Amino acid sequence: MARAIMIQGTTSNAGKSLVAAGLCRIFRQDGYRVAPFKSQNMALNSFITADGLEMGRAQVMQAEAAGIEPDVRMNPILLKPTSDQGSQVIVGGEVWGNMSAREYFARKAALVPDIERAYRSLATENDIIVIEGAGSPAEINLKQQDIVNMGMAKLARAPVLLVGDIDRGGVFAALVGTMMLLDPDERAMVKATIINKFRGDVTILQPGLDTLERLTGVPVAGVVPYMPLQLDDEDSLSDRFTAAVRPALVDIAVLRLPRISNFTDFNALEYIDGVSLRYVGSVRELAEPDLIVLPGTKNTMDDLRWLRQSGLEAAVCKHAARGKPVLGVCGGYQMLGRSLCDPDGVEHGGEMAGMGLLDGETVFAPQKHRTQVQGRLPAVGGIFTGLSGLAYSGYEIHMGRTSGDCPLVHKGNVYGTYLHGFFDSPGIAGTVVSALLRQKGLDDSDVQAFDMQAFKERQYDLLADGLRQALDMRAIYEIVERGLPPAQETEKAGALF
């Protein structure tokens, strides 16, 4: 049975996912069989496994760092928000149903056997399981039925590393305050703290580190510097949405839909030199890009209404009328068609006109379409004719069926596809950028084919190198080896405050 270590944070976006990924990489480099695990993830960025099951992309990223295939057991529960107070609940990769937050909270205890079954199965096949928590373990209103932070740590008997983000300020108060709000037995499970995203001279922090160790009663395992790595983000917290625009030869605008999903589809374009990829939410921000992209969404019809009300639909149509390219992916592809019909109330029911830039008509159905696909593109017309015959791979995850669907639909310079991960296929992102340069009369001879897999491998190695330098890995290995004493012993641990 595998040993375990759990990464928890003082807040969302403290860096849990990246620390977990880095440890997965380090353990793999050191010769261990390692797998990631997160009992419950809330995200609109999801992935379809080889066996057609759905899981969060954060655990996909961590699996890649561990050098193994993504497996739905790594993320047995996925919540995909459909509104401010409700989510689609996915258990074991299959849709369980749409629930309000109150309804899910009342029923989630019934999912503990699913979590335990997935974890135990992974643990029998690996040497180390790196578990990621969610948000903060000190959310006192959620602790009673917690299944993702200390509740999960107790189930797995996993020692905890507590991560705080110094970049946003208040890291010492966040770490000490989190420990103070934990129950005595939970505090006994925290074996070290980590300060993340530090910029500057670590020696200046030393007085604070000494006080932190005295107040929490546990050592600081390291101070991790801010590392500008290019790895998949959790959706709504992505810095990409607010990043400053840099001047570039090619300007690509992705519409920042209210329920945008799988925005990581476009990372490969962003990584090519000379490309500016912007996420825009208004006509004023849109300006005059070389390519407009309509991304995936958890609610196609609602987000199309938003496009109309914001004036962005009219701006996209004017852009297309000038012969400039538009691309829709998944929900964005559905919006570009003639009509959307929801006879079973999958989203909100009813029928509405699409943007009419493509000929397809979409009918929503209760059964979610989930599959991995690969092949070669048929003949492609318009500005992106260079894509013709290129090999592609990706995955589909959508509730609707669109008439006349093929890997890449086009009409003039308007294109649509259901494929997530389309640009990760070798040669596709580079071909698109070359075509956009030539459209502007610019030289494209320096554009190189982009190898997403090789790029990711370099990023994971850089992450592991950074953590090895910043963390006391000998102490972390000792924490993993010691594990936790039997439950009754940690429950006797006294309060620190």
Foldseek 3Di string as FASTA:
>chain_A
DAFEAEEFELFPPLCLLLVLLLVLLVCLVVPWQEAEAFAEEEFQAWAAFQVFFIFHVSRCLSCVSNVHGDACLRYQWYWYDLDPFKTFIHGRRHTPGIDGNVVCLVPVLVCLVSNLVSVVVVRVVTHYYYYYAHTACLPVVNVVRDDGPLVVCQSSLHAYEYGGEPVVHDRLVSLLVSLQSDDQLSLLSHAEYEYEADDDDCVVCVVVQVVSCLSSVHHHQFYFHRDPFDTDDGPPPDCQQVDDWDDFLAEEEEEPFPFFHLPVLCSLLVPWHRYTYYYDHAPVVVPQGQEYEYGDGPALVVRLVSCVVRVVLVVVVVNVVVLGAYEYEASGQQLQEQKEAECPCCRHGDIDGHSHNAHKYKYFDNDWDKHKDKDAADQDDALLRVSHGAIFIAMATHGIDIPPADQWDDDRRYIYHRGRNGLQRWPRSLSVVCSSQVVVVHDSPPRDTGHNSVSSNVSSVVSNVSCVVTGPVVVVVVCSVVRHDPSVVSNPRDRSD
